[in-house]
Amino acid sequence: MTEQELLVDCLRRLNRAEITYYLTGSMASNFWGIPRTTHDLDFVIQLPPTAIGKIVSAFTPDYFIDESSVRAACQPPHQFNAIDTRSALKVDFWLSKLEPFDREMLQRRVRATLFGEPAWITTAEDCVLHKLVWNKITPSERQLGDAGGVVAVQSGKLDKLYLVKWAEGLGVSAELNQLLTGEIKPKRT
């Protein structure tokens, strides 16, 4: 199974189970920016404890998904994964948090079609901001390169006032300014 096939399979399962989600991470930056190879998928989901069985059954039996790990995700770090048993590719699920930026990302998610499948995906602006926040947590040229790729491809379409407002609150204003002025360039792979 390729990463593209894995993405389509996950989208179908999430859509069929009617789980509120959006695609984020490198697949989102690939959609909005300059694509690069990735080896996992990242989804943010809303998952009340009463719906835990729903996601477990949506991904069983083709994925290894441990129900106790899903239940544990209700506590920090609010994350669990599913491993595709056919390919060993990993899918990371992050539970939507109550912080203002996380709520904003969920509200702003947009509908797209990815490889023929309807999908919810983070906006280009939120993708950039999220990459900058992750770079602050674990510095990585890959995060900055992904953000730079989105800015390079979407530059004229980005809501710069939105970016500046949230960058300030998230503590990534300097990095955003470097992106917008071209000091941080996209990585070409």
Protein backbone atom coordinates (compact mmCIF):
# COMPACT_ATOMS: atom_id res chain seq x y z
CA MET A 1 0.00 0.00 0.00
CA THR A 2 1.36 3.43 -0.93
CA GLU A 3 1.02 6.53 1.23
CA GLN A 4 -1.59 7.83 -1.21
CA GLU A 5 -3.62 4.62 -0.93
CA LEU A 6 -3.29 4.75 2.85
CA LEU A 7 -4.60 8.32 2.87
CA VAL A 8 -7.61 7.41 0.72
CA ASP A 9 -8.34 4.38 2.91
CA CYS A 10 -8.19 6.48 6.11
CA LEU A 11 -10.38 9.21 4.64
CA ARG A 12 -13.00 6.65 3.65
CA ARG A 13 -13.00 5.11 7.12
CA LEU A 14 -13.22 8.47 8.92
CA ASN A 15 -15.95 9.73 6.60
CA ARG A 16 -17.96 6.52 6.89
CA ALA A 17 -17.67 6.57 10.70
CA GLU A 18 -18.74 10.25 10.72
CA ILE A 19 -15.80 11.27 12.88
CA THR A 20 -15.01 15.00 12.93
CA TYR A 21 -11.43 15.36 11.67
CA TYR A 22 -8.97 17.25 9.56
CA LEU A 23 -5.76 16.22 7.84
CA THR A 24 -2.68 18.05 9.08
CA GLY A 25 1.08 17.51 9.11
CA SER A 26 3.18 16.79 6.05
CA MET A 27 0.28 15.58 3.90
CA ALA A 28 -1.47 18.91 4.47
CA SER A 29 1.69 20.84 3.62
CA ASN A 30 2.04 18.64 0.52
CA PHE A 31 -1.49 19.65 -0.50
CA TRP A 32 -0.91 23.39 0.01
CA GLY A 33 2.80 23.60 -0.77
CA ILE A 34 5.71 21.72 -2.27
CA PRO A 35 5.26 17.96 -1.90
CA ARG A 36 7.83 15.76 -0.19
CA THR A 37 7.96 12.13 0.79
CA THR A 38 6.38 11.30 4.11
CA HIS A 39 6.00 8.05 5.99
CA ASP A 40 2.95 8.69 8.11
CA LEU A 41 -0.35 10.51 8.20
CA ASP A 42 -1.52 13.01 10.82
CA PHE A 43 -5.16 13.65 11.65
CA VAL A 44 -6.70 15.81 14.33
CA ILE A 45 -9.99 14.33 15.48
CA GLN A 46 -12.79 15.10 17.90
CA LEU A 47 -13.31 11.97 19.91
CA PRO A 48 -15.56 12.04 22.95
CA PRO A 49 -15.06 8.96 25.16
CA THR A 50 -18.41 7.61 23.97
CA ALA A 51 -17.05 7.41 20.40
CA ILE A 52 -13.86 5.47 21.14
CA GLY A 53 -15.41 2.19 20.02
CA LYS A 54 -16.48 3.86 16.78
CA ILE A 55 -12.93 4.69 15.67
CA VAL A 56 -11.55 1.35 16.83
CA SER A 57 -14.14 -0.56 14.81
CA ALA A 58 -13.70 1.78 11.81
CA PHE A 59 -10.03 0.77 11.56
CA THR A 60 -10.30 -2.90 12.58
CA PRO A 61 -9.16 -5.42 11.30
CA ASP A 62 -6.83 -3.87 8.71
CA TYR A 63 -5.02 -1.72 11.27
CA PHE A 64 -3.46 -2.44 14.60
CA ILE A 65 -5.29 0.01 16.85
CA ASP A 66 -5.21 -0.57 20.58
CA GLU A 67 -8.42 0.48 22.33
CA SER A 68 -6.59 1.13 25.61
CA SER A 69 -4.21 3.51 23.79
CA VAL A 70 -7.18 5.32 22.28
CA ARG A 71 -8.71 5.66 25.75
CA ALA A 72 -5.38 6.88 27.16
CA ALA A 73 -5.35 9.64 24.52
CA CYS A 74 -8.00 11.44 26.55
CA GLN A 75 -5.00 12.50 28.72
CA PRO A 76 -1.80 14.26 27.55
CA PRO A 77 -0.23 13.96 25.04
CA HIS A 78 -3.69 13.35 23.49
CA GLN A 79 -2.33 11.14 20.75
CA PHE A 80 -2.61 7.53 19.57
CA ASN A 81 -1.77 5.74 16.36
CA ALA A 82 -2.96 3.01 14.08
CA ILE A 83 -0.57 0.82 12.10
CA ASP A 84 -1.72 -0.47 8.73
CA THR A 85 -1.10 -4.23 8.93
CA ARG A 86 -0.82 -4.48 5.14
CA SER A 87 2.03 -1.98 4.78
CA ALA A 88 3.28 -1.16 8.32
CA LEU A 89 2.63 2.54 7.59
CA LYS A 90 1.57 4.59 10.61
CA VAL A 91 -1.37 6.93 11.10
CA ASP A 92 -1.14 9.41 13.99
CA PHE A 93 -4.34 10.69 15.54
CA TRP A 94 -4.25 13.79 17.74
CA LEU A 95 -7.28 14.68 19.81
CA SER A 96 -8.52 18.21 19.29
CA LYS A 97 -7.66 20.34 22.32
CA LEU A 98 -9.52 23.22 23.92
CA GLU A 99 -6.77 25.84 23.38
CA PRO A 100 -7.92 28.78 21.25
CA PHE A 101 -5.67 28.01 18.27
CA ASP A 102 -6.70 24.34 18.22
CA ARG A 103 -10.37 25.33 18.28
CA GLU A 104 -9.73 27.85 15.50
CA MET A 105 -8.02 25.25 13.32
CA LEU A 106 -10.98 22.90 13.70
CA GLN A 107 -13.49 25.65 12.89
CA ARG A 108 -11.53 26.81 9.84
CA ARG A 109 -10.84 23.38 8.31
CA VAL A 110 -11.84 23.23 4.65
CA ARG A 111 -13.40 20.59 2.45
CA ALA A 112 -11.18 19.30 -0.34
CA THR A 113 -10.98 16.31 -2.63
CA LEU A 114 -7.81 14.27 -2.21
CA PHE A 115 -7.20 11.57 -4.80
CA GLY A 116 -10.93 11.44 -5.54
CA GLU A 117 -11.99 11.20 -1.89
CA PRO A 118 -13.81 13.97 0.03
CA ALA A 119 -11.66 15.19 2.91
CA TRP A 120 -11.38 17.81 5.61
CA ILE A 121 -7.99 19.53 5.71
CA THR A 122 -6.38 22.32 7.69
CA THR A 123 -6.22 25.69 5.90
CA ALA A 124 -2.96 26.82 4.31
CA GLU A 125 -2.54 29.52 6.98
CA ASP A 126 -3.11 27.10 9.83
CA CYS A 127 -0.76 24.60 8.21
CA VAL A 128 2.01 27.24 8.19
CA LEU A 129 1.35 28.25 11.80
CA HIS A 130 1.15 24.65 12.97
CA LYS A 131 4.48 23.85 11.29
CA LEU A 132 6.07 26.86 13.01
CA VAL A 133 4.69 25.79 16.38
CA TRP A 134 6.04 22.26 15.90
CA ASN A 135 9.39 23.71 14.90
CA LYS A 136 9.43 25.60 18.19
CA ILE A 137 8.74 22.36 20.10
CA THR A 138 11.19 20.21 18.15
CA PRO A 139 13.36 22.34 15.84
CA SER A 140 13.60 20.83 12.38
CA GLU A 141 14.57 22.04 8.94
CA ARG A 142 11.79 19.79 7.65
CA GLN A 143 9.08 21.75 9.53
CA LEU A 144 10.48 25.08 8.31
CA GLY A 145 10.89 23.73 4.78
CA ASP A 146 7.27 22.53 4.74
CA ALA A 147 6.06 25.93 5.96
CA GLY A 148 8.26 27.63 3.38
CA GLY A 149 6.78 25.45 0.64
CA VAL A 150 3.24 26.43 1.59
CA VAL A 151 4.17 30.13 1.64
CA ALA A 152 5.94 29.82 -1.74
CA VAL A 153 2.97 28.16 -3.44
CA GLN A 154 0.15 30.04 -1.68
CA SER A 155 1.84 33.43 -1.10
CA GLY A 156 -0.68 35.64 -2.87
CA LYS A 157 -3.66 33.79 -1.42
CA LEU A 158 -2.64 33.71 2.25
CA ASP A 159 -4.52 35.78 4.81
CA LYS A 160 -1.49 37.62 6.17
CA LEU A 161 -3.45 39.48 8.86
CA TYR A 162 -4.64 36.15 10.23
CA LEU A 163 -1.09 34.75 10.11
CA VAL A 164 0.40 37.75 11.93
CA LYS A 165 -2.32 37.76 14.59
CA TRP A 166 -1.92 34.09 15.47
CA ALA A 167 1.87 34.04 15.07
CA GLU A 168 2.08 36.68 17.77
CA GLY A 169 -0.09 34.70 20.17
CA LEU A 170 1.77 31.46 19.41
CA GLY A 171 5.21 33.01 19.83
CA VAL A 172 6.35 32.40 16.25
CA SER A 173 6.29 35.95 14.84
CA ALA A 174 10.01 36.05 14.03
CA GLU A 175 9.84 32.79 12.09
CA LEU A 176 6.71 33.89 10.24
CA ASN A 177 8.41 37.13 9.26
CA GLN A 178 11.39 35.15 7.96
CA LEU A 179 9.02 33.01 5.88
CA LEU A 180 7.12 35.97 4.47
CA THR A 181 10.30 37.86 3.57
CA GLY A 182 11.88 34.81 1.93
CA GLU A 183 14.64 34.34 4.49
CA ILE A 184 13.38 30.82 5.12
CA LYS A 185 13.17 29.01 1.82
CA PRO A 186 11.23 25.87 0.99
CA LYS A 187 13.23 22.67 0.88
CA ARG A 188 13.11 21.01 -2.51
CA THR A 189 13.20 17.22 -2.36
